[in-house]
PDB file of N, CA and C in Angstrom:
ATOM      1  N   MET A   1      26.332  15.080  50.391  1.00  0.00           N
ATOM      2  CA  MET A   1      27.720  14.874  50.194  1.00  0.00           C
ATOM      3  C   MET A   1      28.256  13.526  49.971  1.00  0.00           C
ATOM      4  N   ILE A   2      27.624  12.469  49.578  1.00  0.00           N
ATOM      5  CA  ILE A   2      27.638  11.227  49.226  1.00  0.00           C
ATOM      6  C   ILE A   2      28.064  11.220  47.986  1.00  0.00           C
ATOM      7  N   LEU A   3      26.986  12.077  47.059  1.00  0.00           N
ATOM      8  CA  LEU A   3      27.077  11.976  45.733  1.00  0.00           C
ATOM      9  C   LEU A   3      28.451  12.889  45.294  1.00  0.00           C
ATOM     10  N   GLN A   4      28.817  13.802  46.085  1.00  0.00           N
ATOM     11  CA  GLN A   4      30.081  14.442  45.820  1.00  0.00           C
ATOM     12  C   GLN A   4      31.410  13.405  46.059  1.00  0.00           C
ATOM     13  N   ASN A   5      31.257  12.392  47.099  1.00  0.00           N
ATOM     14  CA  ASN A   5      32.272  11.511  47.319  1.00  0.00           C
ATOM     15  C   ASN A   5      32.468  10.993  45.940  1.00  0.00           C
ATOM     16  N   LYS A   6      31.079  10.138  45.345  1.00  0.00           N
ATOM     17  CA  LYS A   6      31.169   9.404  44.245  1.00  0.00           C
ATOM     18  C   LYS A   6      31.691   9.919  43.049  1.00  0.00           C
ATOM     19  N   ARG A   7      31.607  11.389  43.087  1.00  0.00           N
ATOM     20  CA  ARG A   7      32.336  12.072  41.614  1.00  0.00           C
ATOM     21  C   ARG A   7      33.555  11.988  41.974  1.00  0.00           C
ATOM     22  N   ILE A   8      34.217  12.411  43.059  1.00  0.00           N
ATOM     23  CA  ILE A   8      35.476  12.606  43.246  1.00  0.00           C
ATOM     24  C   ILE A   8      36.590  11.179  42.862  1.00  0.00           C
ATOM     25  N   PHE A   9      35.492  10.231  43.392  1.00  0.00           N
ATOM     26  CA  PHE A   9      36.059   8.746  43.317  1.00  0.00           C
ATOM     27  C   PHE A   9      36.249   8.175  41.698  1.00  0.00           C
ATOM     28  N   ALA A  10      34.994   8.789  41.128  1.00  0.00           N
ATOM     29  CA  ALA A  10      34.879   8.226  39.635  1.00  0.00           C
ATOM     30  C   ALA A  10      35.888   9.171  39.006  1.00  0.00           C
ATOM     31  N   SER A  11      36.228  10.296  39.318  1.00  0.00           N
ATOM     32  CA  SER A  11      37.100  11.111  38.510  1.00  0.00           C
ATOM     33  C   SER A  11      38.663  10.395  38.722  1.00  0.00           C
ATOM     34  N   ILE A  12      38.832  10.187  40.041  1.00  0.00           N
ATOM     35  CA  ILE A  12      39.931   9.702  40.570  1.00  0.00           C
ATOM     36  C   ILE A  12      40.294   8.514  39.548  1.00  0.00           C
ATOM     37  N   LEU A  13      39.263   7.666  39.284  1.00  0.00           N
ATOM     38  CA  LEU A  13      39.553   6.248  38.976  1.00  0.00           C
ATOM     39  C   LEU A  13      39.626   6.540  37.287  1.00  0.00           C
ATOM     40  N   PHE A  14      39.043   7.471  36.428  1.00  0.00           N
ATOM     41  CA  PHE A  14      39.139   7.855  35.205  1.00  0.00           C
ATOM     42  C   PHE A  14      40.375   8.570  34.813  1.00  0.00           C
ATOM     43  N   VAL A  15      41.264   9.311  35.968  1.00  0.00           N
ATOM     44  CA  VAL A  15      42.619   9.697  35.641  1.00  0.00           C
ATOM     45  C   VAL A  15      43.343   8.522  35.875  1.00  0.00           C
ATOM     46  N   LEU A  16      43.216   7.675  36.924  1.00  0.00           N
ATOM     47  CA  LEU A  16      44.357   6.359  36.714  1.00  0.00           C
ATOM     48  C   LEU A  16      44.147   5.251  35.813  1.00  0.00           C
ATOM     49  N   ILE A  17      42.917   4.957  35.541  1.00  0.00           N
ATOM     50  CA  ILE A  17      42.631   4.252  34.291  1.00  0.00           C
ATOM     51  C   ILE A  17      43.364   4.982  32.763  1.00  0.00           C
ATOM     52  N   SER A  18      43.496   6.467  32.506  1.00  0.00           N
ATOM     53  CA  SER A  18      44.013   6.780  31.589  1.00  0.00           C
ATOM     54  C   SER A  18      45.770   6.851  31.739  1.00  0.00           C
ATOM     55  N   PHE A  19      46.147   6.954  33.092  1.00  0.00           N
ATOM     56  CA  PHE A  19      47.514   6.419  33.060  1.00  0.00           C
ATOM     57  C   PHE A  19      47.876   4.835  32.606  1.00  0.00           C
ATOM     58  N   VAL A  20      47.088   4.099  32.985  1.00  0.00           N
ATOM     59  CA  VAL A  20      47.313   2.665  32.780  1.00  0.00           C
ATOM     60  C   VAL A  20      47.622   2.492  31.183  1.00  0.00           C
ATOM     61  N   CYS A  21      46.183   2.995  30.772  1.00  0.00           N
ATOM     62  CA  CYS A  21      46.217   2.891  29.244  1.00  0.00           C
ATOM     63  C   CYS A  21      47.549   3.797  28.409  1.00  0.00           C
ATOM     64  N   VAL A  22      47.940   4.803  28.707  1.00  0.00           N
ATOM     65  CA  VAL A  22      49.159   5.077  28.254  1.00  0.00           C
ATOM     66  C   VAL A  22      50.332   4.415  28.506  1.00  0.00           C
ATOM     67  N   ALA A  23      50.506   3.649  29.660  1.00  0.00           N
ATOM     68  CA  ALA A  23      51.588   3.037  29.928  1.00  0.00           C
ATOM     69  C   ALA A  23      51.685   1.740  29.106  1.00  0.00           C
ATOM     70  N   GLN A  24      50.762   1.352  28.560  1.00  0.00           N
ATOM     71  CA  GLN A  24      50.666  -0.121  27.725  1.00  0.00           C
ATOM     72  C   GLN A  24      51.266   0.279  26.192  1.00  0.00           C
ATOM     73  N   GLY A  25      51.434   1.494  26.005  1.00  0.00           N
ATOM     74  CA  GLY A  25      52.242   1.909  24.762  1.00  0.00           C
ATOM     75  C   GLY A  25      53.718   1.103  24.512  1.00  0.00           C
ATOM     76  N   GLY A  26      54.368   1.320  23.439  1.00  0.00           N
ATOM     77  CA  GLY A  26      55.290   1.044  23.003  1.00  0.00           C
ATOM     78  C   GLY A  26      55.698   0.349  21.982  1.00  0.00           C
ATOM     79  N   ASP A  27      57.097   0.195  21.640  1.00  0.00           N
ATOM     80  CA  ASP A  27      57.280  -0.327  20.435  1.00  0.00           C
ATOM     81  C   ASP A  27      56.876  -1.781  20.272  1.00  0.00           C
ATOM     82  N   PRO A  28      56.644  -2.468  19.184  1.00  0.00           N
ATOM     83  CA  PRO A  28      56.026  -3.913  19.278  1.00  0.00           C
ATOM     84  C   PRO A  28      57.403  -4.503  18.979  1.00  0.00           C
ATOM     85  N   PRO A  29      57.908  -5.981  19.487  1.00  0.00           N
ATOM     86  CA  PRO A  29      58.946  -6.592  19.435  1.00  0.00           C
ATOM     87  C   PRO A  29      59.241  -6.585  17.986  1.00  0.00           C
ATOM     88  N   PRO A  30      60.809  -6.709  17.758  1.00  0.00           N
ATOM     89  CA  PRO A  30      61.275  -6.963  16.531  1.00  0.00           C
ATOM     90  C   PRO A  30      60.846  -8.434  15.652  1.00  0.00           C
ATOM     91  N   PRO A  31      60.386  -7.986  14.088  1.00  0.00           N
ATOM     92  CA  PRO A  31      60.110  -9.555  13.960  1.00  0.00           C
ATOM     93  C   PRO A  31      61.115 -10.504  13.896  1.00  0.00           C
ATOM     94  N   THR A  32      60.823 -11.563  13.570  1.00  0.00           N
ATOM     95  CA  THR A  32      61.814 -12.914  13.587  1.00  0.00           C
ATOM     96  C   THR A  32      62.416 -12.759  12.323  1.00  0.00           C
ATOM     97  N   PRO A  33      63.775 -13.491  12.272  1.00  0.00           N
ATOM     98  CA  PRO A  33      64.380 -13.442  11.139  1.00  0.00           C
ATOM     99  C   PRO A  33      64.084 -14.431  10.001  1.00  0.00           C
ATOM    100  N   PRO A  34      64.050 -14.202   8.856  1.00  0.00           N
ATOM    101  CA  PRO A  34      63.572 -15.292   7.938  1.00  0.00           C
ATOM    102  C   PRO A  34      64.219 -16.354   8.130  1.00  0.00           C
ATOM    103  N   PRO A  35      63.838 -17.748   7.491  1.00  0.00           N
ATOM    104  CA  PRO A  35      64.556 -19.087   7.492  1.00  0.00           C
ATOM    105  C   PRO A  35      65.864 -18.894   6.495  1.00  0.00           C
ATOM    106  N   PRO A  36      66.714 -19.839   6.832  1.00  0.00           N
ATOM    107  CA  PRO A  36      68.208 -19.521   5.853  1.00  0.00           C
ATOM    108  C   PRO A  36      67.443 -20.291   4.690  1.00  0.00           C
ATOM    109  N   PRO A  37      68.096 -20.067   3.424  1.00  0.00           N
ATOM    110  CA  PRO A  37      67.728 -20.296   2.412  1.00  0.00           C
ATOM    111  C   PRO A  37      68.085 -21.804   2.169  1.00  0.00           C
ATOM    112  N   GLY A  38      67.011 -22.357   1.149  1.00  0.00           N
ATOM    113  CA  GLY A  38      67.420 -23.705   0.954  1.00  0.00           C
ATOM    114  C   GLY A  38      66.852 -24.696   1.872  1.00  0.00           C
ATOM    115  N   LEU A  39      65.910 -24.418   2.511  1.00  0.00           N
ATOM    116  CA  LEU A  39      65.234 -25.254   3.595  1.00  0.00           C
ATOM    117  C   LEU A  39      64.079 -25.887   2.372  1.00  0.00           C
ATOM    118  N   SER A  40      63.534 -26.903   2.713  1.00  0.00           N
ATOM    119  CA  SER A  40      62.526 -27.560   1.872  1.00  0.00           C
ATOM    120  C   SER A  40      61.274 -27.231   2.586  1.00  0.00           C
ATOM    121  N   VAL A  41      60.246 -26.771   1.762  1.00  0.00           N
ATOM    122  CA  VAL A  41      58.816 -26.538   2.395  1.00  0.00           C
ATOM    123  C   VAL A  41      58.019 -27.654   2.330  1.00  0.00           C
ATOM    124  N   ASP A  42      58.248 -28.321   1.246  1.00  0.00           N
ATOM    125  CA  ASP A  42      57.727 -29.830   1.406  1.00  0.00           C
ATOM    126  C   ASP A  42      58.407 -30.770   0.957  1.00  0.00           C
ATOM    127  N   GLY A  43      59.248 -31.331   2.190  1.00  0.00           N
ATOM    128  CA  GLY A  43      59.973 -32.215   2.047  1.00  0.00           C
ATOM    129  C   GLY A  43      59.106 -33.614   2.244  1.00  0.00           C
ATOM    130  N   GLY A  44      58.123 -33.864   2.577  1.00  0.00           N
ATOM    131  CA  GLY A  44      57.464 -34.960   2.452  1.00  0.00           C
ATOM    132  C   GLY A  44      56.399 -35.210   1.350  1.00  0.00           C
ATOM    133  N   ILE A  45      56.300 -34.345   0.705  1.00  0.00           N
ATOM    134  CA  ILE A  45      55.333 -34.530  -0.563  1.00  0.00           C
ATOM    135  C   ILE A  45      55.612 -36.023  -1.366  1.00  0.00           C
ATOM    136  N   PHE A  46      56.901 -36.286  -1.694  1.00  0.00           N
ATOM    137  CA  PHE A  46      57.002 -37.338  -2.294  1.00  0.00           C
ATOM    138  C   PHE A  46      56.480 -38.526  -1.482  1.00  0.00           C
ATOM    139  N   VAL A  47      56.688 -38.473  -0.192  1.00  0.00           N
ATOM    140  CA  VAL A  47      56.112 -40.140   0.467  1.00  0.00           C
ATOM    141  C   VAL A  47      54.729 -39.843   0.500  1.00  0.00           C
ATOM    142  N   LEU A  48      54.053 -38.582   0.754  1.00  0.00           N
ATOM    143  CA  LEU A  48      52.504 -38.739   0.561  1.00  0.00           C
ATOM    144  C   LEU A  48      52.368 -38.707  -0.903  1.00  0.00           C
ATOM    145  N   LEU A  49      52.802 -38.647  -1.712  1.00  0.00           N
ATOM    146  CA  LEU A  49      52.345 -39.008  -3.018  1.00  0.00           C
ATOM    147  C   LEU A  49      52.580 -40.496  -3.375  1.00  0.00           C
ATOM    148  N   LEU A  50      53.777 -41.344  -3.020  1.00  0.00           N
ATOM    149  CA  LEU A  50      53.681 -42.658  -2.986  1.00  0.00           C
ATOM    150  C   LEU A  50      52.780 -43.306  -2.142  1.00  0.00           C
ATOM    151  N   LEU A  51      52.230 -42.875  -1.023  1.00  0.00           N
ATOM    152  CA  LEU A  51      51.367 -43.449  -0.315  1.00  0.00           C
ATOM    153  C   LEU A  51      50.200 -43.625  -0.977  1.00  0.00           C
ATOM    154  N   GLY A  52      49.682 -41.920  -1.487  1.00  0.00           N
ATOM    155  CA  GLY A  52      48.610 -42.010  -2.266  1.00  0.00           C
ATOM    156  C   GLY A  52      48.280 -42.859  -3.632  1.00  0.00           C
ATOM    157  N   ILE A  53      49.558 -43.265  -4.169  1.00  0.00           N
ATOM    158  CA  ILE A  53      49.605 -44.139  -5.472  1.00  0.00           C
ATOM    159  C   ILE A  53      49.481 -45.614  -4.893  1.00  0.00           C
ATOM    160  N   CYS A  54      50.028 -45.942  -3.739  1.00  0.00           N
ATOM    161  CA  CYS A  54      49.971 -47.147  -3.223  1.00  0.00           C
ATOM    162  C   CYS A  54      48.369 -47.529  -2.706  1.00  0.00           C
ATOM    163  N   TYR A  55      47.545 -46.258  -2.087  1.00  0.00           N
ATOM    164  CA  TYR A  55      46.285 -46.383  -1.772  1.00  0.00           C
ATOM    165  C   TYR A  55      45.526 -46.639  -3.026  1.00  0.00           C
ATOM    166  N   GLY A  56      45.822 -45.955  -3.721  1.00  0.00           N
ATOM    167  CA  GLY A  56      45.037 -45.979  -5.267  1.00  0.00           C
ATOM    168  C   GLY A  56      45.081 -47.193  -5.728  1.00  0.00           C
ATOM    169  N   ILE A  57      46.188 -47.947  -5.621  1.00  0.00           N
ATOM    170  CA  ILE A  57      46.468 -49.397  -6.448  1.00  0.00           C
ATOM    171  C   ILE A  57      45.483 -50.440  -5.535  1.00  0.00           C
ATOM    172  N   LYS A  58      45.553 -50.085  -4.311  1.00  0.00           N
ATOM    173  CA  LYS A  58      44.957 -51.141  -3.298  1.00  0.00           C
ATOM    174  C   LYS A  58      43.427 -51.048  -3.604  1.00  0.00           C
ATOM    175  N   LYS A  59      43.164 -49.743  -3.683  1.00  0.00           N
ATOM    176  CA  LYS A  59      41.339 -49.552  -3.991  1.00  0.00           C
ATOM    177  C   LYS A  59      41.067 -50.249  -5.565  1.00  0.00           C
ATOM    178  N   VAL A  60      41.928 -50.088  -6.380  1.00  0.00           N
ATOM    179  CA  VAL A  60      41.857 -50.733  -7.872  1.00  0.00           C
ATOM    180  C   VAL A  60      41.518 -52.170  -7.669  1.00  0.00           C
ATOM    181  N   LEU A  61      42.534 -52.918  -6.651  1.00  0.00           N
ATOM    182  CA  LEU A  61      42.603 -54.166  -6.846  1.00  0.00           C
ATOM    183  C   LEU A  61      41.488 -55.019  -6.255  1.00  0.00           C
ATOM    184  N   ASP A  62      40.941 -53.990  -4.920  1.00  0.00           N
ATOM    185  CA  ASP A  62      39.836 -54.523  -4.089  1.00  0.00           C
ATOM    186  C   ASP A  62      38.503 -54.306  -5.108  1.00  0.00           C
ATOM    187  N   PHE A  63      38.434 -53.405  -5.835  1.00  0.00           N
ATOM    188  CA  PHE A  63      37.247 -53.269  -6.737  1.00  0.00           C
ATOM    189  C   PHE A  63      37.391 -54.180  -7.766  1.00  0.00           C
ATOM    190  N   ARG A  64      38.476 -54.684  -8.192  1.00  0.00           N
ATOM    191  CA  ARG A  64      38.538 -55.611  -9.374  1.00  0.00           C
ATOM    192  C   ARG A  64      38.133 -56.929  -8.737  1.00  0.00           C
ATOM    193  N   SER A  65      38.656 -57.452  -7.562  1.00  0.00           N
ATOM    194  CA  SER A  65      38.423 -58.702  -6.817  1.00  0.00           C
ATOM    195  C   SER A  65      36.973 -58.741  -6.524  1.00  0.00           C
ATOM    196  N   LYS A  66      35.956 -57.540  -6.460  1.00  0.00           N
ATOM    197  CA  LYS A  66      34.887 -57.851  -5.921  1.00  0.00           C
ATOM    198  C   LYS A  66      33.949 -57.989  -7.173  1.00  0.00           C
ATOM    199  N   ALA A  67      34.474 -57.503  -8.273  1.00  0.00           N
ATOM    200  CA  ALA A  67      33.282 -57.551  -9.340  1.00  0.00           C
ATOM    201  C   ALA A  67      33.752 -59.025 -10.231  1.00  0.00           C
TER     202      ALA A  67
END
C-alpha cells in the first residue's frame, strides 16, 4: 500500500510540475528603442588621447634626465 501511495504522489507531482512549466511561457518583452541619432559614442577619446600624449612626453623627459 505504501508503494502505491508513493506512485500516486509522484504522478501528482509530475503533473503539477508540467503545469508550472507551461505557465512559464509567454512573449518576450519588446526590445528597447535605439538611441537617438547624433549621440557621440567616443566623446572622451580626445581627452584620453591628450592624456596619453602628456604621459608620453613625461616619460621621454624622465628618460632623458636619467641618461
